[in-house]
């Protein structure tokens, strides 16, 4: 029995049945929007080539199977098929071929049937292999194109960000010059007015000049903070580690900010001593108190910025009670600074955003005048730059605690390399 001729005669029926089976299979969803011709694709050509493999009288046309299967893989990749969908396609094709030829196969000898079965099976295996080969190659090319596009887009974004940062820095510097002049002249007029009793008592615009001076200082702080964030984003902030005295640095910052706390009648408590009341439980349990480190290798200016911003922020948002700074050793290579207050607190839904630029927690009516929303952003960036981390615990109406954890030795890029 010539099974090759039987196969040729039933190519259209096999292809039609296979297309219907593929369309009905819910595990091949990529065919939902495809016409039957797009699903049918190369299958008749593969079946014709398969007939030559089965035939003993015709020249084996395996090359046609290879070419059509390669094309099929490229097409399915462009159509968005998943690999599992392609594998299921060929599984359905195998089932359709044997179910269509089943009656004829039963009339042949065992030897004829086995030969036909093995030939069909081997041909389909080769078709699957070639299909997946071209499918993978096409997907890799698509991936390379996407990667190239992403690289180009990233380069353009980097260029735009750098241009924006350069423009921002230039604008900020341009604004600072006249602003410094305004502040300087305002201070000069105020000093002259206060020294001259006659002018002080009769000068009607003195209050307006004070307002100009106050707003000018606020604007200058906003510009400086924006420049600081811009420099961090551009990677232009460099660390200059040196061995510093922790207690001395903290005391200097506290002395500088004490007038602000005194104006609001707030108590400022600095706890860097193991004998403090907060450590009494530790002492009773016979554990070794965790003293603050005497010396650390860090950037003095950046550490001072962190402590200043945290303390001033605590004072700004606390109307009564205590602002508490505590520093201590955590391990052999880490130490911490914790600033607590009895202020308004931060709602749980706002805590994840308090370090975002210009974000201010609470309603607009509750916000403190003069706040830029950049102080905590700068703190978070500097802590990250100094290889540390910052944690927040807060409760509305109770207060907030910001804890900065830093290494005892800050490493620069040169020391790491």
Protein backbone atom coordinates (compact mmCIF):
# COMPACT_ATOMS: atom_id res chain seq x y z
CA UNK A 1 0.00 0.00 0.00
CA UNK A 2 1.37 3.44 -0.98
CA UNK A 3 0.72 5.55 2.09
CA UNK A 4 2.45 8.53 0.49
CA UNK A 5 -0.29 8.79 -2.15
CA UNK A 6 -2.95 8.40 0.54
CA UNK A 7 -1.37 11.27 2.46
CA UNK A 8 -1.23 13.50 -0.63
CA UNK A 9 -4.88 12.84 -1.32
CA UNK A 10 -5.88 13.85 2.20
CA UNK A 11 -3.66 16.94 2.65
CA UNK A 12 -6.56 19.37 2.37
CA UNK A 13 -8.71 17.36 4.82
CA UNK A 14 -5.84 17.12 7.34
CA UNK A 15 -5.07 20.83 7.06
CA UNK A 16 -8.75 21.77 7.46
CA UNK A 17 -9.28 19.51 10.47
CA UNK A 18 -6.07 20.71 12.06
CA UNK A 19 -7.02 24.40 11.68
CA UNK A 20 -10.37 23.72 13.35
CA UNK A 21 -8.69 21.80 16.18
CA UNK A 22 -6.25 24.66 16.76
CA UNK A 23 -9.02 27.28 16.77
CA UNK A 24 -11.07 25.28 19.27
CA UNK A 25 -8.14 24.65 21.61
CA UNK A 26 -8.42 27.20 24.46
CA UNK A 27 -4.77 26.71 25.34
CA UNK A 28 -3.77 28.35 22.03
CA UNK A 29 -5.29 31.78 22.61
CA UNK A 30 -2.99 33.54 20.11
CA UNK A 31 -5.16 32.25 17.26
CA UNK A 32 -8.30 34.01 18.51
CA UNK A 33 -7.83 37.01 16.23
CA UNK A 34 -6.11 35.22 13.33
CA UNK A 35 -7.84 34.22 10.07
CA UNK A 36 -7.79 30.56 9.06
CA UNK A 37 -5.22 31.25 6.34
CA UNK A 38 -2.76 32.61 8.94
CA UNK A 39 -3.19 29.49 11.06
CA UNK A 40 -2.95 27.11 8.11
CA UNK A 41 0.34 28.71 7.07
CA UNK A 42 2.88 26.17 5.78
CA UNK A 43 1.16 22.96 6.91
CA UNK A 44 0.13 21.71 3.40
CA UNK A 45 3.74 22.10 2.20
CA UNK A 46 5.04 20.16 5.18
CA UNK A 47 2.51 17.40 4.50
CA UNK A 48 3.59 17.22 0.84
CA UNK A 49 7.22 16.94 1.86
CA UNK A 50 6.24 14.33 4.42
CA UNK A 51 4.66 12.27 1.61
CA UNK A 52 8.01 12.15 -0.20
CA UNK A 53 9.68 10.85 2.97
CA UNK A 54 7.13 8.02 3.22
CA UNK A 55 7.32 7.17 -0.49
CA UNK A 56 9.86 4.63 -1.67
CA UNK A 57 9.70 5.82 -5.27
CA UNK A 58 10.12 9.60 -4.82
CA UNK A 59 13.18 11.61 -3.84
CA UNK A 60 13.19 12.56 -0.19
CA UNK A 61 12.15 16.24 0.15
CA UNK A 62 13.31 16.83 3.72
CA UNK A 63 14.76 20.24 2.75
CA UNK A 64 11.26 21.52 2.03
CA UNK A 65 10.21 20.53 5.56
CA UNK A 66 13.20 22.37 7.01
CA UNK A 67 12.53 25.55 5.05
CA UNK A 68 8.80 25.62 5.75
CA UNK A 69 9.30 24.87 9.43
CA UNK A 70 11.86 27.65 9.73
CA UNK A 71 9.41 30.04 8.16
CA UNK A 72 6.64 28.80 10.46
CA UNK A 73 8.76 29.58 13.55
CA UNK A 74 9.48 33.12 12.34
CA UNK A 75 5.81 33.69 11.56
CA UNK A 76 4.63 32.41 14.94
CA UNK A 77 7.16 34.64 16.71
CA UNK A 78 5.81 37.68 14.85
CA UNK A 79 2.24 36.62 15.63
CA UNK A 80 3.11 36.57 19.33
CA UNK A 81 2.73 32.83 19.99
CA UNK A 82 4.13 31.39 23.18
CA UNK A 83 6.43 28.32 22.91
CA UNK A 84 3.81 26.16 24.64
CA UNK A 85 1.25 27.16 22.02
CA UNK A 86 3.55 26.10 19.16
CA UNK A 87 4.26 22.76 20.84
CA UNK A 88 0.53 22.20 21.21
CA UNK A 89 0.00 23.03 17.53
CA UNK A 90 2.33 20.24 16.49
CA UNK A 91 0.79 17.85 18.98
CA UNK A 92 -2.61 18.49 17.40
CA UNK A 93 -1.11 18.05 13.92
CA UNK A 94 0.29 14.66 14.87
CA UNK A 95 -3.09 13.57 16.24
CA UNK A 96 -4.94 14.89 13.18
CA UNK A 97 -2.64 13.09 10.71
CA UNK A 98 -2.98 9.70 12.40
CA UNK A 99 -6.72 10.01 13.02
CA UNK A 100 -7.29 10.92 9.34
CA UNK A 101 -5.12 8.01 8.09
CA UNK A 102 -6.26 5.54 10.74
CA UNK A 103 -8.68 3.57 8.55
CA UNK A 104 -6.12 3.22 5.76
CA UNK A 105 -3.32 2.28 8.15
CA UNK A 106 -5.41 -0.58 9.50
CA UNK A 107 -5.53 -2.13 6.00
CA UNK A 108 -1.75 -2.23 5.60
CA UNK A 109 0.74 -4.78 6.83
CA UNK A 110 2.45 -4.33 10.15
CA UNK A 111 5.73 -3.55 8.41
CA UNK A 112 4.11 -0.93 6.16
CA UNK A 113 2.28 0.68 9.03
CA UNK A 114 5.37 0.83 11.23
CA UNK A 115 7.44 2.32 8.41
CA UNK A 116 4.79 4.98 7.70
CA UNK A 117 4.31 5.71 11.39
CA UNK A 118 8.04 6.13 12.02
CA UNK A 119 8.50 8.29 8.92
CA UNK A 120 5.64 10.61 9.87
CA UNK A 121 6.85 10.80 13.48
CA UNK A 122 10.45 11.58 12.48
CA UNK A 123 9.34 14.19 9.97
CA UNK A 124 7.21 15.96 12.54
CA UNK A 125 10.07 15.90 15.06
CA UNK A 126 12.33 17.55 12.49
CA UNK A 127 9.65 20.14 11.70
CA UNK A 128 9.26 20.95 15.41
CA UNK A 129 13.02 21.29 15.90
CA UNK A 130 13.43 23.63 12.93
CA UNK A 131 10.38 25.66 13.93
CA UNK A 132 11.67 26.25 17.46
CA UNK A 133 15.12 27.08 16.12
CA UNK A 134 13.83 29.93 13.97
CA UNK A 135 11.34 30.98 16.66
CA UNK A 136 14.12 31.42 19.23
CA UNK A 137 16.34 33.26 16.74
CA UNK A 138 13.51 35.65 15.87
CA UNK A 139 12.77 36.29 19.53
CA UNK A 140 16.45 36.97 20.20
CA UNK A 141 16.54 39.48 17.35
CA UNK A 142 13.46 41.19 18.75
CA UNK A 143 15.09 41.26 22.18
CA UNK A 144 18.27 42.77 20.72
CA UNK A 145 16.21 45.42 18.95
CA UNK A 146 14.36 46.24 22.17
CA UNK A 147 17.65 46.36 24.06
CA UNK A 148 19.14 48.71 21.47
CA UNK A 149 16.07 50.93 21.65
CA UNK A 150 16.21 50.95 25.44
CA UNK A 151 19.88 51.92 25.35
CA UNK A 152 19.16 54.77 22.93
CA UNK A 153 16.22 55.91 25.04
CA UNK A 154 18.33 55.72 28.19
CA UNK A 155 21.07 57.77 26.56
CA UNK A 156 18.55 60.39 25.51
CA UNK A 157 16.96 60.47 28.97
CA UNK A 158 20.40 60.80 30.55
CA UNK A 159 21.17 63.69 28.21
CA UNK A 160 17.87 65.39 28.98
CA UNK A 161 18.28 64.89 32.75
CA UNK A 162 21.82 66.26 32.64
CA UNK A 163 20.69 69.23 30.54
CA UNK A 164 17.83 69.83 32.96
CA UNK A 165 20.15 69.60 35.97
CA UNK A 166 22.65 71.97 34.32
CA UNK A 167 19.86 74.42 33.52
CA UNK A 168 18.49 74.14 37.04
CA UNK A 169 21.90 74.74 38.57
CA UNK A 170 22.54 77.70 36.31
CA UNK A 171 19.11 79.19 37.06
CA UNK A 172 19.59 78.69 40.80
CA UNK A 173 22.99 80.39 40.71
CA UNK A 174 21.54 83.26 38.69
CA UNK A 175 18.76 83.68 41.27
CA UNK A 176 21.13 83.55 44.22
CA UNK A 177 23.13 86.64 43.20
CA UNK A 178 20.25 89.19 43.21
CA UNK A 179 18.67 87.40 46.17
CA UNK A 180 21.81 87.74 48.25
CA UNK A 181 21.88 91.42 47.29
CA UNK A 182 18.26 91.87 48.43
CA UNK A 183 18.96 90.15 51.73
CA UNK A 184 22.13 92.18 52.26
CA UNK A 185 20.47 95.53 51.61
CA UNK A 186 17.46 94.57 53.74
CA UNK A 187 19.74 93.73 56.67
CA UNK A 188 21.65 97.01 56.15
CA UNK A 189 18.45 99.07 56.19
CA UNK A 190 17.14 97.24 59.25
CA UNK A 191 20.39 97.76 61.17
CA UNK A 192 20.46 101.45 60.29
CA UNK A 193 16.82 101.89 61.23
CA UNK A 194 17.20 100.20 64.58
CA UNK A 195 20.23 102.31 65.50
CA UNK A 196 18.46 105.57 64.65
CA UNK A 197 15.72 106.09 67.23
CA UNK A 198 13.94 108.75 65.18
CA UNK A 199 13.86 106.59 62.08
CA UNK A 200 12.93 103.49 64.09
CA UNK A 201 9.93 105.20 65.59
CA UNK A 202 8.70 106.86 62.41
CA UNK A 203 9.74 104.44 59.69
CA UNK A 204 6.40 102.94 58.46
CA UNK A 205 7.93 100.35 56.13
CA UNK A 206 10.14 98.65 58.70
CA UNK A 207 7.78 95.70 59.05
CA UNK A 208 7.62 95.32 55.26
CA UNK A 209 11.42 95.21 55.04
CA UNK A 210 11.50 92.54 57.72
CA UNK A 211 9.00 90.53 55.68
CA UNK A 212 11.17 90.95 52.56
CA UNK A 213 14.19 89.77 54.52
CA UNK A 214 12.33 86.78 55.94
CA UNK A 215 10.94 85.69 52.58
CA UNK A 216 14.29 86.28 50.92
CA UNK A 217 16.00 83.95 53.39
CA UNK A 218 13.30 81.34 52.81
CA UNK A 219 13.76 81.56 49.04
CA UNK A 220 17.54 81.31 49.42
CA UNK A 221 17.15 78.18 51.56
CA UNK A 222 14.82 76.69 48.95
CA UNK A 223 17.35 77.39 46.18
CA UNK A 224 20.20 75.92 48.20
CA UNK A 225 18.19 72.80 49.02
CA UNK A 226 17.20 72.37 45.36
CA UNK A 227 20.83 72.71 44.31
CA UNK A 228 21.83 70.10 46.89
CA UNK A 229 19.29 67.60 45.51
CA UNK A 230 20.38 68.39 41.95
CA UNK A 231 24.03 67.77 42.81
CA UNK A 232 23.15 64.46 44.46
CA UNK A 233 21.13 63.33 41.42
CA UNK A 234 24.03 64.25 39.15
CA UNK A 235 26.48 62.31 41.36
CA UNK A 236 28.50 65.46 42.05
CA UNK A 237 28.54 65.22 45.85
CA UNK A 238 31.84 63.79 47.07
CA UNK A 239 32.58 62.58 50.57
CA UNK A 240 35.64 63.79 52.46
CA UNK A 241 35.96 61.47 55.46
CA UNK A 242 37.96 62.57 58.48
CA UNK A 243 38.20 61.45 62.08
CA UNK A 244 35.74 63.59 64.03
CA UNK A 245 34.55 63.91 67.62
CA UNK A 246 30.87 62.92 67.65
CA UNK A 247 29.92 64.63 70.91
CA UNK A 248 31.55 67.89 69.86
CA UNK A 249 29.78 67.97 66.51
CA UNK A 250 26.38 67.21 68.05
CA UNK A 251 26.83 69.80 70.80
CA UNK A 252 27.72 72.46 68.24
CA UNK A 253 24.54 71.76 66.28
CA UNK A 254 22.40 71.71 69.43
CA UNK A 255 23.84 75.04 70.62
CA UNK A 256 23.06 76.55 67.23
CA UNK A 257 19.42 75.38 67.32
CA UNK A 258 18.69 75.96 71.02
CA UNK A 259 17.33 79.50 70.42
CA UNK A 260 14.68 78.04 68.08
CA UNK A 261 13.64 75.52 70.72
CA UNK A 262 13.70 78.14 73.49
CA UNK A 263 11.42 80.40 71.44
CA UNK A 264 8.79 77.63 71.55
CA UNK A 265 9.64 76.68 75.16
CA UNK A 266 10.73 73.21 74.09
CA UNK A 267 13.12 71.11 76.14
CA UNK A 268 16.10 69.76 74.19
CA UNK A 269 17.68 66.59 75.58
CA UNK A 270 20.93 65.12 74.28
CA UNK A 271 21.64 61.56 75.34
CA UNK A 272 25.02 60.26 74.28
CA UNK A 273 25.99 59.11 77.79
CA UNK A 274 25.60 55.53 79.05
CA UNK A 275 24.54 56.78 82.51
CA UNK A 276 21.36 58.42 81.26
CA UNK A 277 17.94 57.60 82.66
CA UNK A 278 16.97 55.86 79.43
CA UNK A 279 19.68 53.31 80.10
CA UNK A 280 18.65 52.59 83.71
CA UNK A 281 16.91 49.35 82.76
CA UNK A 282 20.03 48.22 80.97
CA UNK A 283 22.11 48.98 84.05
CA UNK A 284 19.72 47.12 86.34
CA UNK A 285 19.93 44.03 84.14
CA UNK A 286 23.71 44.12 84.39
CA UNK A 287 24.19 44.63 80.65
CA UNK A 288 26.89 46.80 79.21
CA UNK A 289 25.43 50.19 78.24
CA UNK A 290 25.88 51.21 74.62
CA UNK A 291 27.85 54.43 74.64
CA UNK A 292 28.04 56.73 71.66
CA UNK A 293 31.28 56.34 69.71
CA UNK A 294 33.90 58.89 70.64
CA UNK A 295 35.41 59.10 67.16
CA UNK A 296 34.08 58.15 63.75
CA UNK A 297 35.58 58.38 60.28
CA UNK A 298 32.99 60.29 58.28
CA UNK A 299 32.27 63.48 56.36
CA UNK A 300 31.90 66.15 59.03
CA UNK A 301 29.93 68.60 56.87
CA UNK A 302 27.42 65.99 55.68
CA UNK A 303 26.92 64.57 59.18
CA UNK A 304 26.31 68.08 60.47
CA UNK A 305 23.71 68.61 57.71
CA UNK A 306 21.91 65.42 58.72
CA UNK A 307 21.77 66.29 62.43
CA UNK A 308 20.80 69.91 61.73
CA UNK A 309 17.97 68.98 59.38
CA UNK A 310 16.56 66.33 61.72
CA UNK A 311 16.68 68.59 64.79
CA UNK A 312 15.30 71.67 63.05
CA UNK A 313 12.54 69.54 61.54
CA UNK A 314 11.65 68.17 64.99
CA UNK A 315 11.55 71.69 66.47
CA UNK A 316 9.44 73.01 63.60
CA UNK A 317 6.75 70.35 64.02
CA UNK A 318 6.66 70.28 67.84
CA UNK A 319 4.58 72.84 69.73
CA UNK A 320 5.23 71.58 73.24
CA UNK A 321 7.23 68.93 75.02
CA UNK A 322 10.67 67.52 74.23
CA UNK A 323 13.06 67.12 71.34
CA UNK A 324 15.36 64.24 72.20
CA UNK A 325 18.61 63.31 70.42
CA UNK A 326 20.23 60.01 71.28
CA UNK A 327 23.32 58.42 69.75
CA UNK A 328 24.81 55.02 70.55
CA UNK A 329 26.84 52.11 69.26
CA UNK A 330 24.90 49.33 67.57
CA UNK A 331 27.68 46.89 66.72
CA UNK A 332 31.41 46.79 66.10
CA UNK A 333 31.01 48.74 62.86
CA UNK A 334 27.72 50.67 63.18
CA UNK A 335 26.33 53.51 65.27
CA UNK A 336 23.08 55.46 65.26
CA UNK A 337 21.59 58.89 65.82
CA UNK A 338 17.91 58.99 66.82
CA UNK A 339 15.94 62.25 66.95
CA UNK A 340 12.57 62.01 68.71
CA UNK A 341 9.91 64.65 69.27
CA UNK A 342 6.49 65.03 70.88
CA UNK A 343 5.09 66.77 67.83
CA UNK A 344 2.17 66.28 65.49
CA UNK A 345 3.35 62.90 64.17
CA UNK A 346 3.04 61.51 60.65
CA UNK A 347 0.15 59.41 59.41
CA UNK A 348 0.96 55.85 58.33
CA UNK A 349 -0.08 56.52 54.72
CA UNK A 350 2.34 59.48 54.51
CA UNK A 351 5.38 57.83 56.09
CA UNK A 352 6.53 56.17 52.85
CA UNK A 353 6.57 59.55 51.08
CA UNK A 354 8.12 61.89 53.65
CA UNK A 355 11.52 61.52 51.97
CA UNK A 356 10.16 62.51 48.53
CA UNK A 357 11.11 66.01 47.29
CA UNK A 358 8.58 68.75 48.14
CA UNK A 359 6.24 66.31 49.90
CA UNK A 360 4.71 67.60 53.12
CA UNK A 361 2.55 65.36 55.28
CA UNK A 362 -0.89 66.36 56.44
CA UNK A 363 -3.41 68.79 54.99
CA UNK A 364 -2.30 72.02 53.36
CA UNK A 365 -3.96 74.00 56.17
CA UNK A 366 -1.82 72.19 58.76
CA UNK A 367 1.54 72.79 57.09
CA UNK A 368 4.14 74.90 58.80
CA UNK A 369 5.03 78.21 57.08
CA UNK A 370 8.60 78.31 55.81
CA UNK A 371 8.87 74.57 55.24
CA UNK A 372 10.22 73.61 51.81
CA UNK A 373 9.56 69.87 51.94
CA UNK A 374 13.20 69.20 51.01
CA UNK A 375 14.92 68.79 54.39
CA UNK A 376 14.13 65.09 54.83
CA UNK A 377 14.86 64.42 51.17
CA UNK A 378 18.37 65.80 51.64
CA UNK A 379 18.80 63.78 54.84
CA UNK A 380 17.80 60.54 53.08
CA UNK A 381 20.14 61.24 50.16
CA UNK A 382 23.09 62.08 52.40
CA UNK A 383 22.50 59.01 54.58
CA UNK A 384 22.48 56.84 51.45
CA UNK A 385 25.65 58.54 50.21
CA UNK A 386 27.33 57.78 53.53
CA UNK A 387 26.43 54.06 53.22
CA UNK A 388 23.79 54.22 55.94
CA UNK A 389 20.03 53.95 56.24
CA UNK A 390 17.23 55.92 57.89
CA UNK A 391 14.18 54.57 59.71
CA UNK A 392 10.98 56.27 60.82
CA UNK A 393 8.55 55.45 63.62
CA UNK A 394 5.68 57.88 64.06
CA UNK A 395 2.17 58.19 65.44
CA UNK A 396 -0.31 61.01 64.97
CA UNK A 397 -0.55 63.16 68.10
CA UNK A 398 2.29 61.32 69.82
CA UNK A 399 5.40 62.26 67.86
CA UNK A 400 8.08 60.91 65.53
CA UNK A 401 11.48 59.25 65.79
CA UNK A 402 13.95 59.35 62.92
CA UNK A 403 16.85 56.93 63.37
CA UNK A 404 19.95 57.21 61.19
CA UNK A 405 22.25 54.19 61.15
CA UNK A 406 25.78 54.85 59.86
CA UNK A 407 29.06 52.92 59.60
CA UNK A 408 31.89 53.85 61.91
CA UNK A 409 34.08 54.28 58.83
CA UNK A 410 32.65 55.80 55.67
CA UNK A 411 34.38 54.46 52.59
CA UNK A 412 35.02 56.64 49.54
CA UNK A 413 35.06 55.29 46.00
CA UNK A 414 38.86 55.42 45.95
CA UNK A 415 39.18 53.38 49.15
CA UNK A 416 36.73 50.77 47.82
CA UNK A 417 38.68 50.42 44.58
